[in-house]
N, C-alpha and C. Protein backbone atom coordinates (compact mmCIF):
# COMPACT_ATOMS: atom_id res chain seq x y z
N MET A 1 103.74 79.15 106.92
CA MET A 1 103.97 78.64 106.03
C MET A 1 104.15 79.85 104.53
N SER A 2 105.69 80.33 103.95
CA SER A 2 105.78 81.35 103.22
C SER A 2 104.98 80.91 101.86
N ALA A 3 104.37 81.47 101.11
CA ALA A 3 102.81 81.73 100.10
C ALA A 3 104.09 80.50 98.88
N GLU A 4 105.53 80.80 98.75
CA GLU A 4 106.01 80.24 97.61
C GLU A 4 105.67 78.67 97.80
N LYS A 5 105.86 78.23 99.22
CA LYS A 5 106.17 77.20 99.55
C LYS A 5 105.23 76.58 99.66
N LEU A 6 104.17 76.78 99.80
CA LEU A 6 102.56 76.99 100.15
C LEU A 6 101.89 76.52 98.29
N ALA A 7 102.41 77.49 97.61
CA ALA A 7 102.47 77.67 95.76
C ALA A 7 102.62 76.30 95.28
N ASN A 8 103.70 75.62 95.67
CA ASN A 8 104.59 74.77 95.03
C ASN A 8 104.06 73.44 95.58
N ARG A 9 103.83 73.42 96.91
CA ARG A 9 102.85 72.34 97.83
C ARG A 9 101.65 72.22 96.73
N TYR A 10 100.60 72.83 96.44
CA TYR A 10 99.60 72.81 95.64
C TYR A 10 99.93 71.94 94.29
N ALA A 11 100.78 73.39 93.99
CA ALA A 11 101.16 72.61 92.22
C ALA A 11 101.71 71.37 92.08
N ASP A 12 102.53 70.94 93.24
CA ASP A 12 103.15 69.26 92.95
C ASP A 12 102.02 68.81 92.99
N ALA A 13 100.94 69.24 94.09
CA ALA A 13 100.01 67.48 94.34
C ALA A 13 99.30 68.00 92.62
N ILE A 14 99.11 68.80 92.41
CA ILE A 14 97.88 68.89 91.23
C ILE A 14 99.03 68.18 90.22
N PHE A 15 99.73 68.56 89.72
CA PHE A 15 100.81 67.84 88.95
C PHE A 15 101.15 66.66 88.71
N SER A 16 101.45 66.26 90.49
CA SER A 16 101.41 64.87 90.94
C SER A 16 100.21 64.13 90.15
N GLU A 17 98.94 64.31 90.81
CA GLU A 17 98.10 63.60 90.92
C GLU A 17 97.86 63.29 88.74
N SER A 18 97.73 65.06 87.85
CA SER A 18 97.73 64.57 86.63
C SER A 18 98.29 64.00 85.71
N THR A 19 99.46 63.66 86.24
CA THR A 19 100.67 62.52 85.75
C THR A 19 100.18 61.28 86.07
N SER A 20 99.99 61.07 87.28
CA SER A 20 99.91 59.93 87.44
C SER A 20 98.45 59.63 86.86
N THR A 21 97.21 59.85 86.57
CA THR A 21 96.21 59.58 85.56
C THR A 21 96.26 59.67 84.59
N ASN A 22 97.71 60.08 84.16
CA ASN A 22 97.90 60.53 82.50
C ASN A 22 96.53 61.63 81.75
N LYS A 23 96.44 62.60 82.94
CA LYS A 23 95.56 63.76 82.44
C LYS A 23 96.18 65.29 82.63
N LEU A 24 97.67 64.86 82.46
CA LEU A 24 98.32 65.99 82.57
C LEU A 24 98.33 67.51 81.62
N GLU A 25 97.84 66.80 80.44
CA GLU A 25 97.16 67.83 79.19
C GLU A 25 96.12 68.07 79.79
N GLN A 26 95.06 67.44 79.85
CA GLN A 26 93.89 68.35 80.25
C GLN A 26 93.88 68.99 81.62
N SER A 27 94.86 68.97 82.84
CA SER A 27 94.57 69.76 83.30
C SER A 27 95.53 70.87 83.16
N TYR A 28 96.46 70.84 82.55
CA TYR A 28 96.84 71.98 81.93
C TYR A 28 96.19 73.23 81.18
N ALA A 29 95.08 72.00 80.17
CA ALA A 29 94.15 73.44 79.35
C ALA A 29 93.27 73.43 80.88
N ASP A 30 92.77 72.79 81.53
CA ASP A 30 91.90 73.40 82.40
C ASP A 30 92.18 74.69 82.99
N LEU A 31 93.51 74.67 83.88
CA LEU A 31 94.14 75.64 84.51
C LEU A 31 94.40 76.92 83.69
N GLN A 32 94.57 76.57 82.50
CA GLN A 32 95.13 77.84 81.84
C GLN A 32 93.49 78.68 81.64
N VAL A 33 92.25 78.07 81.86
CA VAL A 33 90.87 78.45 81.34
C VAL A 33 91.17 79.33 82.88
N VAL A 34 91.09 78.54 84.37
CA VAL A 34 91.10 79.04 85.49
C VAL A 34 91.88 80.38 85.35
N ALA A 35 93.14 80.21 84.91
CA ALA A 35 93.90 81.44 84.96
C ALA A 35 93.92 82.20 83.93
N GLY A 36 93.13 81.98 82.77
CA GLY A 36 92.62 82.90 82.19
C GLY A 36 91.46 84.09 82.13
N ALA A 37 90.67 83.09 83.19
CA ALA A 37 89.32 83.88 83.74
C ALA A 37 89.90 84.34 85.01
N ILE A 38 91.03 84.33 85.79
CA ILE A 38 91.73 85.39 86.76
C ILE A 38 92.21 86.74 86.29
N ALA A 39 93.13 86.59 85.20
CA ALA A 39 93.98 87.59 84.72
C ALA A 39 93.27 88.54 83.66
N GLU A 40 91.74 87.77 83.14
CA GLU A 40 90.82 88.93 82.56
C GLU A 40 90.05 89.90 83.57
N SER A 41 90.12 89.56 84.39
CA SER A 41 88.75 90.00 85.48
C SER A 41 89.40 90.86 86.43
N ARG A 42 89.54 91.96 86.87
CA ARG A 42 89.88 92.33 87.99
C ARG A 42 88.82 92.11 88.97
N GLU A 43 87.51 92.34 88.22
CA GLU A 43 86.70 91.62 89.85
C GLU A 43 86.60 90.48 90.33
N PHE A 44 87.10 89.52 89.32
CA PHE A 44 87.21 88.14 89.84
C PHE A 44 88.31 87.79 90.90
N SER A 45 89.66 88.77 90.47
CA SER A 45 90.56 88.53 90.71
C SER A 45 90.59 88.90 92.32
N ASN A 46 89.64 90.24 92.41
CA ASN A 46 89.90 90.41 93.92
C ASN A 46 89.00 89.95 94.48
N TYR A 47 87.70 89.10 93.79
CA TYR A 47 87.33 88.45 94.44
C TYR A 47 87.67 87.18 95.54
N LEU A 48 88.53 86.88 94.77
CA LEU A 48 89.05 85.57 95.34
C LEU A 48 90.33 86.13 96.49
N LYS A 49 90.57 87.13 96.81
CA LYS A 49 91.58 87.63 97.36
C LYS A 49 90.94 88.41 98.71
N SER A 50 89.58 88.54 98.39
CA SER A 50 88.88 89.35 99.35
C SER A 50 88.43 88.27 100.41
N PRO A 51 89.01 88.61 102.22
CA PRO A 51 88.61 88.40 102.89
C PRO A 51 87.20 87.76 103.62
N ILE A 52 86.54 89.21 102.87
CA ILE A 52 85.03 89.63 103.64
C ILE A 52 83.99 88.13 102.94
N ILE A 53 84.71 87.67 102.09
CA ILE A 53 83.49 87.01 101.59
C ILE A 53 83.82 85.56 101.87
N ASP A 54 82.98 84.89 102.18
CA ASP A 54 82.61 83.39 102.72
C ASP A 54 83.71 82.57 101.84
N SER A 55 84.66 81.40 101.85
CA SER A 55 84.31 80.29 101.02
C SER A 55 83.31 79.64 100.23
N SER A 56 82.46 79.34 101.41
CA SER A 56 81.38 78.49 100.59
C SER A 56 80.83 79.68 99.26
N LYS A 57 80.79 81.01 99.48
CA LYS A 57 80.00 81.52 98.15
C LYS A 57 80.85 81.45 96.89
N LYS A 58 82.54 81.21 97.98
CA LYS A 58 83.43 81.61 96.60
C LYS A 58 83.51 80.01 95.73
N LEU A 59 83.23 79.00 96.53
CA LEU A 59 83.17 77.83 95.90
C LEU A 59 81.84 77.95 94.90
N VAL A 60 80.77 78.11 95.36
CA VAL A 60 79.55 78.63 94.49
C VAL A 60 79.48 79.22 93.34
N ALA A 61 80.82 80.09 93.49
CA ALA A 61 80.92 81.00 92.22
C ALA A 61 81.74 79.98 91.55
N PHE A 62 82.64 79.42 91.82
CA PHE A 62 83.62 78.61 91.10
C PHE A 62 82.84 77.82 90.80
N LYS A 63 82.35 76.83 91.10
CA LYS A 63 81.40 75.64 90.33
C LYS A 63 80.40 75.81 89.24
N GLU A 64 79.72 77.59 89.68
CA GLU A 64 78.93 78.23 88.62
C GLU A 64 80.19 78.26 87.57
N ILE A 65 80.72 78.61 87.26
CA ILE A 65 81.81 79.32 86.60
C ILE A 65 82.54 78.24 85.71
N PHE A 66 83.22 77.00 86.58
CA PHE A 66 84.02 76.62 85.79
C PHE A 66 83.76 74.56 85.93
N GLU A 67 82.81 74.31 86.28
CA GLU A 67 81.84 72.83 86.60
C GLU A 67 81.76 72.37 84.97
N SER A 68 81.06 73.43 84.35
CA SER A 68 81.12 72.96 82.70
C SER A 68 82.38 72.80 81.97
N LYS A 69 83.29 73.76 82.42
CA LYS A 69 84.93 74.21 81.37
C LYS A 69 85.31 73.18 81.66
N VAL A 70 85.69 72.40 83.11
CA VAL A 70 86.91 71.82 83.46
C VAL A 70 86.52 70.28 83.84
N GLN A 71 87.61 69.43 83.82
CA GLN A 71 87.13 67.58 84.30
C GLN A 71 87.32 68.10 86.13
N ALA A 72 86.54 66.84 86.30
CA ALA A 72 86.13 66.83 88.01
C ALA A 72 87.15 66.84 88.65
N SER A 73 88.60 66.05 88.03
CA SER A 73 89.61 66.23 88.98
C SER A 73 89.75 67.71 89.31
N THR A 74 89.85 68.29 88.34
CA THR A 74 90.28 70.14 88.41
C THR A 74 89.22 70.48 89.60
N MET A 75 88.18 70.40 89.36
CA MET A 75 87.13 70.70 89.88
C MET A 75 87.51 70.82 91.60
N GLN A 76 88.25 68.97 91.67
CA GLN A 76 88.39 68.71 93.40
C GLN A 76 89.13 69.33 93.43
N PHE A 77 90.16 69.84 92.68
CA PHE A 77 91.67 70.84 93.11
C PHE A 77 91.20 71.89 93.59
N LEU A 78 90.30 72.96 92.93
CA LEU A 78 89.88 73.99 93.22
C LEU A 78 88.63 74.05 94.54
N ASP A 79 87.82 72.78 94.50
CA ASP A 79 87.42 72.98 95.85
C ASP A 79 88.09 72.76 97.11
N ILE A 80 89.59 72.01 96.67
CA ILE A 80 90.17 71.66 98.01
C ILE A 80 90.75 73.20 98.43
N ILE A 81 91.09 73.72 97.28
CA ILE A 81 91.78 75.10 97.37
C ILE A 81 90.96 76.00 98.33
N ILE A 82 89.57 76.33 97.65
CA ILE A 82 89.01 77.01 98.60
C ILE A 82 88.51 76.51 99.94
N ASN A 83 88.18 75.23 100.13
CA ASN A 83 88.38 74.90 101.03
C ASN A 83 88.97 75.09 101.89
N ASN A 84 90.13 74.95 102.08
CA ASN A 84 91.68 75.19 103.08
C ASN A 84 91.95 76.89 102.38
N LYS A 85 90.63 77.41 102.16
CA LYS A 85 90.86 78.89 102.44
C LYS A 85 92.17 79.23 101.81
N ARG A 86 92.73 78.65 100.63
CA ARG A 86 93.74 79.39 99.92
C ARG A 86 93.62 79.85 98.42
N GLU A 87 92.81 80.40 98.43
CA GLU A 87 92.47 80.80 97.07
C GLU A 87 92.68 82.56 96.62
N GLN A 88 93.32 83.06 97.66
CA GLN A 88 94.28 84.28 97.50
C GLN A 88 95.79 83.86 96.80
N TYR A 89 95.66 82.40 96.96
CA TYR A 89 97.42 82.55 96.53
C TYR A 89 97.16 81.44 94.96
N LEU A 90 95.72 81.29 94.44
CA LEU A 90 95.65 80.62 93.63
C LEU A 90 96.13 80.91 91.94
N PRO A 91 96.56 82.47 92.07
CA PRO A 91 97.43 82.98 90.61
C PRO A 91 98.89 82.24 90.82
N LEU A 92 99.57 81.82 92.36
CA LEU A 92 100.72 81.98 92.17
C LEU A 92 100.75 80.36 91.89
N ILE A 93 99.90 79.15 92.49
CA ILE A 93 99.60 78.25 92.24
C ILE A 93 99.52 77.78 91.10
N LEU A 94 98.55 78.27 90.51
CA LEU A 94 98.74 78.35 88.92
C LEU A 94 99.88 78.75 88.37
N SER A 95 100.52 79.66 88.71
CA SER A 95 102.22 79.97 87.86
C SER A 95 103.05 78.61 88.03
N LYS A 96 102.90 78.60 89.77
CA LYS A 96 104.11 77.18 89.70
C LYS A 96 104.36 76.28 88.97
N PHE A 97 102.67 75.74 88.81
CA PHE A 97 101.61 74.56 87.79
C PHE A 97 102.45 74.84 86.83
N PHE A 98 101.88 76.14 86.12
CA PHE A 98 102.72 75.75 84.42
C PHE A 98 104.36 75.66 84.60
N SER A 99 105.52 76.32 85.37
CA SER A 99 106.35 76.24 85.23
C SER A 99 106.78 74.84 85.13
N LYS A 100 106.09 74.09 85.88
CA LYS A 100 106.44 72.32 86.21
C LYS A 100 106.49 72.02 85.06
N TYR A 101 105.17 72.55 84.33
CA TYR A 101 104.53 71.60 82.65
C TYR A 101 105.22 72.34 81.96
N ASN A 102 106.00 73.15 82.05
CA ASN A 102 106.73 73.83 81.02
C ASN A 102 108.23 73.15 81.19
N GLN A 103 108.68 73.55 82.02
CA GLN A 103 109.93 72.44 82.05
C GLN A 103 109.99 71.03 82.02
N ILE A 104 109.07 70.02 82.25
CA ILE A 104 108.75 68.83 81.91
C ILE A 104 108.93 68.55 80.51
N LYS A 105 108.28 69.50 79.80
CA LYS A 105 107.97 69.40 78.11
C LYS A 105 108.76 70.20 77.22
N GLY A 106 109.53 71.24 78.23
CA GLY A 106 111.29 71.49 77.42
C GLY A 106 110.32 72.80 76.56
N ILE A 107 109.61 73.48 77.77
CA ILE A 107 109.06 74.66 76.94
C ILE A 107 109.78 76.02 77.51
N ALA A 108 110.50 77.12 76.64
CA ALA A 108 111.32 78.06 77.85
C ALA A 108 109.90 79.20 77.26
N GLU A 109 109.67 80.12 78.46
CA GLU A 109 108.37 80.77 78.26
C GLU A 109 109.24 81.99 78.70
N VAL A 110 108.56 83.09 77.91
CA VAL A 110 109.18 84.67 78.21
C VAL A 110 108.60 85.21 77.62
N ASN A 111 108.37 86.55 78.27
CA ASN A 111 107.82 87.72 78.73
C ASN A 111 108.44 88.38 77.59
N VAL A 112 107.74 89.29 76.08
CA VAL A 112 107.80 89.72 75.52
C VAL A 112 107.05 91.28 75.60
N THR A 113 107.66 92.49 76.28
CA THR A 113 106.74 93.66 76.09
C THR A 113 107.24 94.59 74.63
N VAL A 114 106.03 95.03 74.04
CA VAL A 114 106.06 95.71 72.46
C VAL A 114 105.28 97.05 73.02
N ALA A 115 105.32 97.79 71.88
CA ALA A 115 104.87 99.05 72.20
C ALA A 115 103.68 98.67 71.72
N SER A 116 103.81 98.20 70.11
CA SER A 116 102.50 97.36 69.37
C SER A 116 103.02 96.04 69.04
N GLU A 117 101.38 95.34 68.74
CA GLU A 117 101.48 93.97 68.29
C GLU A 117 103.16 93.85 67.36
N LEU A 118 103.52 92.45 67.91
CA LEU A 118 104.41 91.80 67.32
C LEU A 118 104.26 91.43 66.02
N ASP A 119 105.57 91.61 64.89
CA ASP A 119 104.89 90.99 63.42
C ASP A 119 105.83 89.70 63.43
N ALA A 120 105.28 89.14 62.55
CA ALA A 120 105.63 87.68 62.44
C ALA A 120 106.92 87.29 62.43
N ASP A 121 107.64 88.25 61.74
CA ASP A 121 109.36 88.37 61.23
C ASP A 121 109.95 88.43 62.42
N THR A 122 109.85 89.51 63.50
CA THR A 122 110.23 89.94 65.12
C THR A 122 110.11 88.90 65.73
N GLN A 123 108.65 87.73 65.94
CA GLN A 123 108.39 87.25 66.54
C GLN A 123 109.58 85.65 66.45
N LYS A 124 109.32 85.54 65.45
CA LYS A 124 110.42 84.58 64.75
C LYS A 124 112.16 85.12 64.96
N LYS A 125 112.47 85.95 65.12
CA LYS A 125 113.71 86.50 65.61
C LYS A 125 113.84 86.27 67.36
N ILE A 126 112.73 86.50 67.51
CA ILE A 126 112.73 86.43 69.41
C ILE A 126 112.77 84.86 69.86
N GLU A 127 111.89 84.29 69.12
CA GLU A 127 111.47 82.49 69.17
C GLU A 127 113.18 81.92 69.33
N ASP A 128 113.55 82.14 67.81
CA ASP A 128 114.95 81.91 67.23
C ASP A 128 116.46 81.87 68.86
N TYR A 129 116.59 83.30 68.79
CA TYR A 129 117.31 84.02 70.08
C TYR A 129 117.17 83.15 71.37
N ILE A 130 116.05 82.93 71.61
CA ILE A 130 115.44 82.11 72.87
C ILE A 130 115.64 80.75 72.82
N LYS A 131 115.43 79.96 71.67
CA LYS A 131 115.76 78.62 71.39
C LYS A 131 117.28 78.35 71.45
N LYS A 132 117.81 79.25 71.03
CA LYS A 132 119.57 78.92 70.89
C LYS A 132 120.42 79.30 72.29
N GLU A 133 119.82 80.26 73.43
CA GLU A 133 120.09 80.95 74.34
C GLU A 133 119.46 79.84 75.35
N SER A 134 118.62 78.93 75.75
CA SER A 134 118.08 78.53 76.21
C SER A 134 118.13 76.92 76.05
N GLY A 135 118.66 76.53 74.42
CA GLY A 135 118.33 75.35 74.57
C GLY A 135 117.36 74.58 74.40
N LYS A 136 116.39 75.18 74.46
CA LYS A 136 115.33 74.22 74.65
C LYS A 136 114.31 74.35 72.96
N ALA A 137 113.20 73.35 72.45
CA ALA A 137 113.34 73.55 71.22
C ALA A 137 111.60 74.25 71.11
N ASN A 138 110.92 74.36 72.07
CA ASN A 138 109.96 75.41 71.88
C ASN A 138 110.00 76.17 72.98
N VAL A 139 108.99 77.25 72.30
CA VAL A 139 109.31 78.20 73.20
C VAL A 139 107.90 79.27 73.07
N LYS A 140 107.07 79.74 73.95
CA LYS A 140 106.13 80.04 74.54
C LYS A 140 106.55 81.61 74.50
N ILE A 141 105.76 82.49 73.95
CA ILE A 141 105.73 84.42 74.28
C ILE A 141 104.49 84.65 75.09
N ASN A 142 104.77 85.42 75.82
CA ASN A 142 103.86 86.20 76.89
C ASN A 142 103.92 87.21 76.47
N GLN A 143 102.74 88.26 75.16
CA GLN A 143 103.18 89.38 74.40
C GLN A 143 102.19 90.25 75.89
N LYS A 144 102.91 91.27 76.10
CA LYS A 144 102.31 92.64 76.69
C LYS A 144 102.67 93.62 75.86
N ILE A 145 101.59 94.56 75.67
CA ILE A 145 101.72 95.89 74.68
C ILE A 145 101.76 97.17 75.83
N ASP A 146 102.81 97.99 76.01
CA ASP A 146 103.19 99.13 76.60
C ASP A 146 103.99 100.26 75.80
N ALA A 147 102.80 101.24 75.53
CA ALA A 147 103.23 102.12 74.50
C ALA A 147 104.47 103.05 75.27
N SER A 148 104.35 102.85 76.48
CA SER A 148 105.56 103.40 76.83
C SER A 148 107.22 103.05 76.58
N ILE A 149 107.30 102.12 75.80
CA ILE A 149 108.60 101.80 75.81
C ILE A 149 108.59 102.44 74.17
N LEU A 150 107.62 103.15 73.60
CA LEU A 150 107.92 103.59 72.49
C LEU A 150 108.19 103.04 71.26
N GLY A 151 108.99 101.84 70.94
CA GLY A 151 109.02 101.25 70.31
C GLY A 151 110.01 99.81 70.81
N GLY A 152 110.10 99.41 69.59
CA GLY A 152 111.46 97.60 70.14
C GLY A 152 110.53 96.61 70.61
N PHE A 153 111.21 96.09 71.64
CA PHE A 153 111.25 95.05 72.78
C PHE A 153 111.49 94.91 74.21
N ILE A 154 111.21 94.39 74.89
CA ILE A 154 111.99 93.81 75.90
C ILE A 154 111.33 92.29 76.27
N VAL A 155 112.51 91.91 76.12
CA VAL A 155 112.57 89.92 76.50
C VAL A 155 112.58 90.12 77.67
N ASP A 156 111.93 89.24 78.58
CA ASP A 156 112.12 88.87 79.95
C ASP A 156 112.66 87.51 79.69
N PHE A 157 113.50 86.99 80.29
CA PHE A 157 113.82 85.50 79.63
C PHE A 157 114.34 85.07 81.33
N GLY A 158 113.61 84.17 81.91
CA GLY A 158 114.05 83.85 83.48
C GLY A 158 115.07 85.10 83.98
N ASP A 159 116.39 84.79 84.47
CA ASP A 159 117.13 85.66 84.96
C ASP A 159 118.14 86.98 84.08
N LYS A 160 117.41 86.93 82.64
CA LYS A 160 118.22 87.51 81.71
C LYS A 160 116.86 88.44 80.81
N ILE A 161 117.30 89.83 80.86
CA ILE A 161 116.43 90.90 80.33
C ILE A 161 117.40 91.40 79.03
N LEU A 162 116.94 91.44 77.74
CA LEU A 162 117.10 92.10 76.91
C LEU A 162 116.20 93.30 76.54
N ASP A 163 117.07 94.38 76.96
CA ASP A 163 115.87 95.72 76.59
C ASP A 163 116.67 95.95 75.13
N ASN A 164 115.35 95.89 74.53
CA ASN A 164 115.83 96.84 72.63
C ASN A 164 114.51 97.71 72.31
N SER A 165 114.21 98.56 73.19
CA SER A 165 113.21 99.51 73.53
C SER A 165 113.65 100.49 73.16
N VAL A 166 112.98 101.75 72.09
CA VAL A 166 113.88 102.82 72.06
C VAL A 166 113.63 103.67 73.18
N LYS A 167 112.87 103.23 74.08
CA LYS A 167 113.14 104.27 75.46
C LYS A 167 114.36 104.36 76.21
N GLN A 168 114.59 102.83 75.92
CA GLN A 168 115.97 102.64 76.81
C GLN A 168 117.25 102.75 76.06
N LYS A 169 116.99 103.00 74.22
CA LYS A 169 118.02 103.83 73.46
C LYS A 169 118.35 105.18 73.95
N LEU A 170 116.64 105.94 73.61
CA LEU A 170 116.93 107.09 74.16
C LEU A 170 117.87 107.54 75.33
N LYS A 171 117.28 106.37 76.65
CA LYS A 171 117.94 106.67 77.73
C LYS A 171 119.74 106.69 77.66
N LYS A 172 119.95 106.01 76.82
CA LYS A 172 121.36 105.75 76.80
C LYS A 172 122.36 106.97 75.91
N VAL A 173 121.30 107.92 74.84
CA VAL A 173 122.14 108.61 74.84
C VAL A 173 122.05 109.80 75.17
N LYS A 174 120.82 110.22 76.29
CA LYS A 174 121.05 111.12 77.44
C LYS A 174 122.35 111.07 77.91
N GLN A 175 121.75 109.92 78.33
CA GLN A 175 123.40 109.64 79.48
C GLN A 175 125.15 109.73 78.72
N GLN A 176 124.63 109.73 77.85
CA GLN A 176 125.85 110.43 76.56
C GLN A 176 126.36 111.29 76.67
N ILE A 177 125.45 112.22 76.25
CA ILE A 177 125.43 113.83 75.88
C ILE A 177 125.45 113.99 77.56
N LEU A 178 124.51 113.61 78.65
CA LEU A 178 125.40 114.15 79.67
C LEU A 178 126.73 114.22 80.40
N ASN A 179 127.30 113.33 79.97
CA ASN A 179 128.60 112.78 80.26
C ASN A 179 129.53 113.25 78.99
């Protein structure tokens, strides 16, 4: 089974369970905690992916880290993933769950790469542009700082990329000069 298919099945399962028990918001918050821990710690991410470490040890670690921070049903979900030796797919499963959540809630999620922190005015302009393009009332911006773009921003919005970076503009000027 492909990783995408597997991730969709697990994400569908937790999404369906959360919806049927009216715990969707809590599950979303819980899974954000898990996703944050994975994203923040390279060691933890590598620990999840390691085939050398036994699943029972991973389960003990998960319980130690998350049991006091998430609801019991979320912990059971994580338990199932680890017992089925699918923990290396957890980031993809979480991504699929968040996509389903955003779709149901009418949230347009975009990734914005900037050279330095976005100011409020620029962030508002990006939000307004995404609202207009997507037709969705809510926008969630995931900001990534990359000094190599020199300035401006790159908005990755589903199947569209808006590159308004200084690096891209300089590249265009160079092409014009060479031509």
